[in-house]
C-alpha atoms as a PDB file:
ATOM      1  CA  MET A   1      56.656 132.974 127.745  1.00  0.00           C
ATOM      2  CA  ALA A   2      53.976 130.767 129.269  1.00  0.00           C
ATOM      3  CA  THR A   3      53.451 130.390 133.016  1.00  0.00           C
ATOM      4  CA  VAL A   4      52.113 126.949 133.916  1.00  0.00           C
ATOM      5  CA  LYS A   5      49.509 126.812 136.686  1.00  0.00           C
ATOM      6  CA  THR A   6      48.262 123.509 138.089  1.00  0.00           C
ATOM      7  CA  LEU A   7      44.534 123.666 138.814  1.00  0.00           C
ATOM      8  CA  VAL A   8      41.818 121.466 140.221  1.00  0.00           C
ATOM      9  CA  CYS A   9      39.238 121.803 137.451  1.00  0.00           C
ATOM     10  CA  LEU A  10      35.962 122.954 139.030  1.00  0.00           C
ATOM     11  CA  ALA A  11      34.050 123.993 135.892  1.00  0.00           C
ATOM     12  CA  ASN A  12      33.994 123.287 132.169  1.00  0.00           C
ATOM     13  CA  SER A  13      30.682 124.950 131.484  1.00  0.00           C
ATOM     14  CA  ARG A  14      28.749 126.017 128.421  1.00  0.00           C
ATOM     15  CA  LYS A  15      29.501 129.534 127.166  1.00  0.00           C
ATOM     16  CA  ASN A  16      28.465 130.811 123.729  1.00  0.00           C
ATOM     17  CA  ALA A  17      30.148 128.594 121.107  1.00  0.00           C
ATOM     18  CA  GLY A  18      32.809 127.415 123.552  1.00  0.00           C
ATOM     19  CA  ARG A  19      33.345 126.773 127.237  1.00  0.00           C
ATOM     20  CA  CYS A  20      34.173 128.578 130.466  1.00  0.00           C
ATOM     21  CA  VAL A  21      36.844 126.608 132.309  1.00  0.00           C
ATOM     22  CA  ALA A  22      37.818 127.485 135.873  1.00  0.00           C
ATOM     23  CA  GLY A  23      39.658 125.933 138.771  1.00  0.00           C
ATOM     24  CA  MET A  24      41.551 126.520 141.984  1.00  0.00           C
ATOM     25  CA  VAL A  25      45.319 126.420 142.141  1.00  0.00           C
ATOM     26  CA  ASP A  26      46.395 123.049 143.531  1.00  0.00           C
ATOM     27  CA  GLU A  27      48.495 124.406 146.389  1.00  0.00           C
ATOM     28  CA  GLY A  28      45.995 125.278 149.092  1.00  0.00           C
ATOM     29  CA  SER A  29      46.035 129.038 148.453  1.00  0.00           C
ATOM     30  CA  GLY A  30      42.366 129.182 147.433  1.00  0.00           C
ATOM     31  CA  GLN A  31      43.280 131.162 144.305  1.00  0.00           C
ATOM     32  CA  TRP A  32      40.819 130.817 141.433  1.00  0.00           C
ATOM     33  CA  ILE A  33      41.952 130.947 137.815  1.00  0.00           C
ATOM     34  CA  ARG A  34      39.703 131.168 134.761  1.00  0.00           C
ATOM     35  CA  PRO A  35      41.707 130.617 131.543  1.00  0.00           C
ATOM     36  CA  VAL A  36      40.243 132.826 128.805  1.00  0.00           C
ATOM     37  CA  SER A  37      40.826 133.321 125.096  1.00  0.00           C
ATOM     38  CA  ALA A  38      41.598 136.532 123.245  1.00  0.00           C
ATOM     39  CA  ARG A  39      38.153 136.555 121.603  1.00  0.00           C
ATOM     40  CA  PRO A  40      35.670 139.292 122.581  1.00  0.00           C
ATOM     41  CA  ASN A  41      33.565 136.986 124.786  1.00  0.00           C
ATOM     42  CA  ARG A  42      36.654 135.134 126.093  1.00  0.00           C
ATOM     43  CA  GLU A  43      35.143 131.652 125.638  1.00  0.00           C
ATOM     44  CA  VAL A  44      37.618 128.763 125.295  1.00  0.00           C
ATOM     45  CA  SER A  45      37.404 126.612 122.154  1.00  0.00           C
ATOM     46  CA  LYS A  46      37.856 122.837 122.103  1.00  0.00           C
ATOM     47  CA  CYS A  47      41.319 123.014 120.537  1.00  0.00           C
ATOM     48  CA  GLU A  48      42.432 125.599 123.126  1.00  0.00           C
ATOM     49  CA  ARG A  49      41.503 123.454 126.117  1.00  0.00           C
ATOM     50  CA  GLN A  50      42.217 119.907 124.965  1.00  0.00           C
ATOM     51  CA  TYR A  51      44.819 117.421 126.116  1.00  0.00           C
ATOM     52  CA  ALA A  52      47.397 115.941 123.733  1.00  0.00           C
ATOM     53  CA  ASP A  53      45.087 112.952 123.131  1.00  0.00           C
ATOM     54  CA  ARG A  54      42.374 115.427 122.027  1.00  0.00           C
ATOM     55  CA  SER A  55      40.186 114.658 125.051  1.00  0.00           C
ATOM     56  CA  ASP A  56      38.384 117.385 126.993  1.00  0.00           C
ATOM     57  CA  PRO A  57      39.153 118.324 130.618  1.00  0.00           C
ATOM     58  CA  ARG A  58      36.606 117.031 133.110  1.00  0.00           C
ATOM     59  CA  VAL A  59      35.565 118.495 136.420  1.00  0.00           C
ATOM     60  CA  LEU A  60      37.928 117.188 139.152  1.00  0.00           C
ATOM     61  CA  ASP A  61      40.807 116.679 136.719  1.00  0.00           C
ATOM     62  CA  ILE A  62      44.048 118.178 138.002  1.00  0.00           C
ATOM     63  CA  ILE A  63      45.435 120.077 135.039  1.00  0.00           C
ATOM     64  CA  ALA A  64      48.602 121.947 134.134  1.00  0.00           C
ATOM     65  CA  VAL A  65      47.499 124.965 132.066  1.00  0.00           C
ATOM     66  CA  PRO A  66      49.923 127.210 130.116  1.00  0.00           C
ATOM     67  CA  LEU A  67      48.956 130.854 130.675  1.00  0.00           C
ATOM     68  CA  LEU A  68      50.385 134.134 129.393  1.00  0.00           C
ATOM     69  CA  HIS A  69      49.370 136.736 131.984  1.00  0.00           C
ATOM     70  CA  PRO A  70      46.484 137.857 134.217  1.00  0.00           C
ATOM     71  CA  GLN A  71      43.668 139.538 132.314  1.00  0.00           C
ATOM     72  CA  SER A  72      41.304 140.724 135.017  1.00  0.00           C
ATOM     73  CA  ARG A  73      38.071 142.252 133.756  1.00  0.00           C
ATOM     74  CA  SER A  74      36.047 144.092 136.375  1.00  0.00           C
ATOM     75  CA  TYR A  75      34.524 141.542 138.790  1.00  0.00           C
ATOM     76  CA  GLN A  76      35.996 138.649 136.761  1.00  0.00           C
ATOM     77  CA  SER A  77      39.304 139.107 138.534  1.00  0.00           C
ATOM     78  CA  GLU A  78      40.237 135.431 138.085  1.00  0.00           C
ATOM     79  CA  ASN A  79      40.777 135.674 134.310  1.00  0.00           C
ATOM     80  CA  TRP A  80      44.147 134.697 132.826  1.00  0.00           C
ATOM     81  CA  LEU A  81      44.890 134.758 129.087  1.00  0.00           C
ATOM     82  CA  LEU A  82      45.661 131.216 127.970  1.00  0.00           C
ATOM     83  CA  ASP A  83      48.543 130.308 125.670  1.00  0.00           C
ATOM     84  CA  PRO A  84      46.894 128.603 122.649  1.00  0.00           C
ATOM     85  CA  LYS A  85      50.169 127.114 121.375  1.00  0.00           C
ATOM     86  CA  TYR A  86      50.314 124.367 124.006  1.00  0.00           C
ATOM     87  CA  TYR A  87      48.166 121.427 125.048  1.00  0.00           C
ATOM     88  CA  TRP A  88      46.867 121.235 128.579  1.00  0.00           C
ATOM     89  CA  GLN A  89      48.137 118.301 130.646  1.00  0.00           C
ATOM     90  CA  LYS A  90      46.163 116.130 133.042  1.00  0.00           C
ATOM     91  CA  THR A  91      48.268 115.265 136.082  1.00  0.00           C
ATOM     92  CA  GLY A  92      45.719 113.529 138.314  1.00  0.00           C
ATOM     93  CA  ARG A  93      42.189 113.484 139.738  1.00  0.00           C
ATOM     94  CA  ALA A  94      40.819 115.183 142.841  1.00  0.00           C
ATOM     95  CA  GLU A  95      38.587 113.431 145.396  1.00  0.00           C
ATOM     96  CA  TRP A  96      35.797 114.575 147.715  1.00  0.00           C
ATOM     97  CA  ASP A  97      38.347 115.174 150.483  1.00  0.00           C
ATOM     98  CA  THR A  98      40.165 117.589 148.160  1.00  0.00           C
ATOM     99  CA  LEU A  99      36.961 119.565 147.708  1.00  0.00           C
ATOM    100  CA  LEU A 100      36.529 119.805 151.470  1.00  0.00           C
ATOM    101  CA  THR A 101      39.889 121.616 151.654  1.00  0.00           C
ATOM    102  CA  LEU A 102      38.819 124.010 148.857  1.00  0.00           C
ATOM    103  CA  GLU A 103      35.294 124.709 150.122  1.00  0.00           C
ATOM    104  CA  GLN A 104      34.354 128.366 150.548  1.00  0.00           C
ATOM    105  CA  HIS A 105      31.883 129.781 153.063  1.00  0.00           C
ATOM    106  CA  PRO A 106      30.519 133.092 151.714  1.00  0.00           C
ATOM    107  CA  LYS A 107      27.687 134.670 153.707  1.00  0.00           C
ATOM    108  CA  THR A 108      25.870 135.269 150.413  1.00  0.00           C
ATOM    109  CA  LEU A 109      26.564 134.610 146.761  1.00  0.00           C
ATOM    110  CA  TRP A 110      27.658 138.176 146.121  1.00  0.00           C
ATOM    111  CA  ILE A 111      24.675 140.547 146.293  1.00  0.00           C
ATOM    112  CA  ASN A 112      21.151 139.183 146.784  1.00  0.00           C
ATOM    113  CA  GLY A 113      17.779 140.793 146.193  1.00  0.00           C
ATOM    114  CA  TYR A 114      17.556 140.846 142.389  1.00  0.00           C
ATOM    115  CA  SER A 115      15.559 138.085 140.701  1.00  0.00           C
ATOM    116  CA  THR A 116      13.987 137.230 137.357  1.00  0.00           C
ATOM    117  CA  TYR A 117      10.441 135.874 137.085  1.00  0.00           C
ATOM    118  CA  HIS A 118      11.643 132.249 137.127  1.00  0.00           C
ATOM    119  CA  GLY A 119      14.794 132.776 139.207  1.00  0.00           C
ATOM    120  CA  ASN A 120      15.596 133.805 142.751  1.00  0.00           C
ATOM    121  CA  ASN A 121      18.592 135.896 143.843  1.00  0.00           C
ATOM    122  CA  ASN A 122      19.962 135.076 140.404  1.00  0.00           C
ATOM    123  CA  ARG A 123      21.358 138.374 139.176  1.00  0.00           C
ATOM    124  CA  VAL A 124      23.241 141.496 140.253  1.00  0.00           C
ATOM    125  CA  LEU A 125      22.871 145.008 138.869  1.00  0.00           C
ATOM    126  CA  ILE A 126      25.868 145.590 136.642  1.00  0.00           C
ATOM    127  CA  GLU A 127      26.940 148.789 138.407  1.00  0.00           C
ATOM    128  CA  GLN A 128      27.011 146.837 141.681  1.00  0.00           C
ATOM    129  CA  ALA A 129      28.782 143.891 140.049  1.00  0.00           C
ATOM    130  CA  HIS A 130      31.637 146.189 139.050  1.00  0.00           C
ATOM    131  CA  THR A 131      32.347 146.747 142.761  1.00  0.00           C
ATOM    132  CA  LEU A 132      32.757 143.023 143.505  1.00  0.00           C
ATOM    133  CA  PRO A 133      36.182 141.444 144.003  1.00  0.00           C
ATOM    134  CA  ASP A 134      35.526 138.063 142.363  1.00  0.00           C
ATOM    135  CA  SER A 135      33.154 135.980 140.262  1.00  0.00           C
ATOM    136  CA  LEU A 136      33.647 132.349 141.333  1.00  0.00           C
ATOM    137  CA  LYS A 137      32.611 130.414 144.447  1.00  0.00           C
ATOM    138  CA  LEU A 138      32.804 126.760 145.480  1.00  0.00           C
ATOM    139  CA  ILE A 139      30.077 125.925 147.992  1.00  0.00           C
ATOM    140  CA  ARG A 140      28.691 122.729 149.534  1.00  0.00           C
ATOM    141  CA  VAL A 141      24.935 122.172 149.834  1.00  0.00           C
ATOM    142  CA  ASP A 142      22.939 119.382 151.453  1.00  0.00           C
ATOM    143  CA  CYS A 143      20.720 118.930 148.410  1.00  0.00           C
ATOM    144  CA  VAL A 144      19.913 120.407 145.005  1.00  0.00           C
ATOM    145  CA  THR A 145      16.660 120.293 143.050  1.00  0.00           C
ATOM    146  CA  LEU A 146      16.965 120.447 139.267  1.00  0.00           C
ATOM    147  CA  GLN A 147      13.921 121.798 137.436  1.00  0.00           C
ATOM    148  CA  VAL A 148      13.434 121.039 133.738  1.00  0.00           C
ATOM    149  CA  HIS A 149      10.945 123.505 132.254  1.00  0.00           C
ATOM    150  CA  THR A 150      10.229 125.883 129.373  1.00  0.00           C
ATOM    151  CA  PRO A 151      10.099 129.383 130.890  1.00  0.00           C
ATOM    152  CA  GLY A 152       9.574 131.035 127.496  1.00  0.00           C
ATOM    153  CA  ALA A 153       6.619 128.872 126.443  1.00  0.00           C
ATOM    154  CA  ALA A 154       4.107 131.720 126.873  1.00  0.00           C
ATOM    155  CA  TYR A 155       6.086 133.696 124.286  1.00  0.00           C
ATOM    156  CA  GLY A 156       6.465 130.872 121.768  1.00  0.00           C
ATOM    157  CA  ASP A 157       9.908 129.727 122.912  1.00  0.00           C
ATOM    158  CA  ARG A 158       9.622 125.974 123.500  1.00  0.00           C
ATOM    159  CA  ARG A 159      13.280 125.396 124.358  1.00  0.00           C
ATOM    160  CA  PRO A 160      13.617 123.615 127.717  1.00  0.00           C
ATOM    161  CA  VAL A 161      16.162 124.754 130.289  1.00  0.00           C
ATOM    162  CA  VAL A 162      17.459 123.402 133.591  1.00  0.00           C
ATOM    163  CA  ASP A 163      17.433 125.509 136.758  1.00  0.00           C
ATOM    164  CA  ALA A 164      19.125 124.587 140.035  1.00  0.00           C
ATOM    165  CA  HIS A 165      17.206 125.255 143.285  1.00  0.00           C
ATOM    166  CA  PHE A 166      19.221 125.210 146.507  1.00  0.00           C
ATOM    167  CA  CYS A 167      19.741 126.907 149.865  1.00  0.00           C
ATOM    168  CA  HIS A 168      23.033 128.290 151.099  1.00  0.00           C
ATOM    169  CA  ALA A 169      23.727 130.155 154.358  1.00  0.00           C
ATOM    170  CA  GLY A 170      19.993 130.648 154.919  1.00  0.00           C
ATOM    171  CA  CYS A 171      19.316 132.088 151.448  1.00  0.00           C
ATOM    172  CA  THR A 172      17.310 130.474 148.643  1.00  0.00           C
ATOM    173  CA  TYR A 173      18.621 130.499 145.088  1.00  0.00           C
ATOM    174  CA  ILE A 174      17.229 129.492 141.699  1.00  0.00           C
ATOM    175  CA  LEU A 175      20.026 129.738 139.125  1.00  0.00           C
ATOM    176  CA  ARG A 176      20.396 128.606 135.526  1.00  0.00           C
ATOM    177  CA  LEU A 177      22.535 125.474 135.087  1.00  0.00           C
ATOM    178  CA  THR A 178      25.383 125.619 132.534  1.00  0.00           C
ATOM    179  CA  ASP A 179      27.130 122.374 133.501  1.00  0.00           C
ATOM    180  CA  PRO A 180      26.970 120.580 130.105  1.00  0.00           C
ATOM    181  CA  GLU A 181      26.967 117.025 131.490  1.00  0.00           C
ATOM    182  CA  TYR A 182      24.094 117.591 133.906  1.00  0.00           C
ATOM    183  CA  GLU A 183      22.290 119.843 131.464  1.00  0.00           C
ATOM    184  CA  GLN A 184      22.319 117.242 128.684  1.00  0.00           C
ATOM    185  CA  THR A 185      21.316 114.451 131.063  1.00  0.00           C
ATOM    186  CA  TYR A 186      18.315 116.297 132.463  1.00  0.00           C
ATOM    187  CA  LEU A 187      17.179 117.916 129.218  1.00  0.00           C
ATOM    188  CA  ALA A 188      16.655 114.352 127.979  1.00  0.00           C
ATOM    189  CA  LYS A 189      14.106 113.810 130.780  1.00  0.00           C
ATOM    190  CA  GLN A 190      10.502 114.948 131.011  1.00  0.00           C
ATOM    191  CA  GLU A 191       9.686 118.350 132.438  1.00  0.00           C
ATOM    192  CA  GLY A 192       9.608 118.187 136.219  1.00  0.00           C
ATOM    193  CA  THR A 193      11.841 118.346 139.289  1.00  0.00           C
ATOM    194  CA  TYR A 194      14.661 115.984 140.229  1.00  0.00           C
ATOM    195  CA  GLU A 195      16.371 115.729 143.609  1.00  0.00           C
ATOM    196  CA  LEU A 196      20.141 115.434 144.015  1.00  0.00           C
ATOM    197  CA  SER A 197      21.889 114.680 147.303  1.00  0.00           C
ATOM    198  CA  GLU A 198      24.844 116.462 148.953  1.00  0.00           C
ATOM    199  CA  SER A 199      26.876 118.263 146.322  1.00  0.00           C
ATOM    200  CA  PHE A 200      29.494 120.887 145.704  1.00  0.00           C
ATOM    201  CA  LEU A 201      28.429 123.673 143.348  1.00  0.00           C
ATOM    202  CA  THR A 202      30.685 125.956 141.367  1.00  0.00           C
ATOM    203  CA  VAL A 203      28.784 129.231 141.055  1.00  0.00           C
ATOM    204  CA  SER A 204      29.931 131.826 138.545  1.00  0.00           C
ATOM    205  CA  LEU A 205      28.982 135.437 137.916  1.00  0.00           C
ATOM    206  CA  GLY A 206      28.685 135.621 134.142  1.00  0.00           C
ATOM    207  CA  GLU A 207      29.481 138.253 131.544  1.00  0.00           C
ATOM    208  CA  PRO A 208      27.345 141.423 131.627  1.00  0.00           C
ATOM    209  CA  TYR A 209      23.978 140.990 129.917  1.00  0.00           C
ATOM    210  CA  GLU A 210      21.929 144.140 129.428  1.00  0.00           C
ATOM    211  CA  ASP A 211      21.796 145.725 132.921  1.00  0.00           C
ATOM    212  CA  TYR A 212      22.788 142.671 134.955  1.00  0.00           C
ATOM    213  CA  ALA A 213      25.401 140.023 135.668  1.00  0.00           C
ATOM    214  CA  TYR A 214      23.743 136.634 136.132  1.00  0.00           C
ATOM    215  CA  LYS A 215      24.708 133.977 138.674  1.00  0.00           C
ATOM    216  CA  LEU A 216      25.113 130.550 137.074  1.00  0.00           C
ATOM    217  CA  VAL A 217      25.685 127.035 138.399  1.00  0.00           C
ATOM    218  CA  ALA A 218      28.705 126.148 136.289  1.00  0.00           C
ATOM    219  CA  ALA A 219      29.288 122.690 137.810  1.00  0.00           C
ATOM    220  CA  ILE A 220      27.600 120.169 140.069  1.00  0.00           C
ATOM    221  CA  ILE A 221      29.769 117.624 141.889  1.00  0.00           C
ATOM    222  CA  GLU A 222      27.619 115.028 143.666  1.00  0.00           C
ATOM    223  CA  GLN A 223      29.257 113.102 146.473  1.00  0.00           C
ATOM    224  CA  ALA A 224      27.290 110.015 145.426  1.00  0.00           C
ATOM    225  CA  LYS A 225      28.989 110.043 142.016  1.00  0.00           C
ATOM    226  CA  ILE A 226      32.592 110.346 143.197  1.00  0.00           C
END
């Protein structure tokens, strides 16, 4: 029997052939929930996350999501198995003031000190990740710089990507962006850097990849756009 949780949607990000949806319970508890499928990579398909009118949940939607039971997986303690038999229901929209009540203030985004060539503090050794209690954070930053570039060009990979540069609690981060709306918008632009003003960021610690778990910017919520 399904348990319905009402969430403020804080991410509907790109993941494999589907999406990673996550939000905080709309009751002030600060509890994160990430609805996941029963597939091996747990991505959520379009039909599993849609409303009755076939539309897709958007960041800041308040949604009632039918869930079966918690399905914690190591540091991804927020995972709940979704019930694919039911539509999700939009019950409202959150505002900037709502985000201020949900804002988190971590001293760091999990464990820092591990970086790729084009990133900074953007990954965690997998054995250390397994000791972490969670994999989702909602933080507020004064500004964000989006960089459109082709990091694999030297190796023949001409696919452009978007990285988010920001500072939080005195630390500098360069993380890959998986917010599909911002990603599509900025991939259509020329290579370069683009400044955004005060924003909330949903940061996620992704599935294990080789020896690391990578930190990802799963959603950008600009105050200027609300």
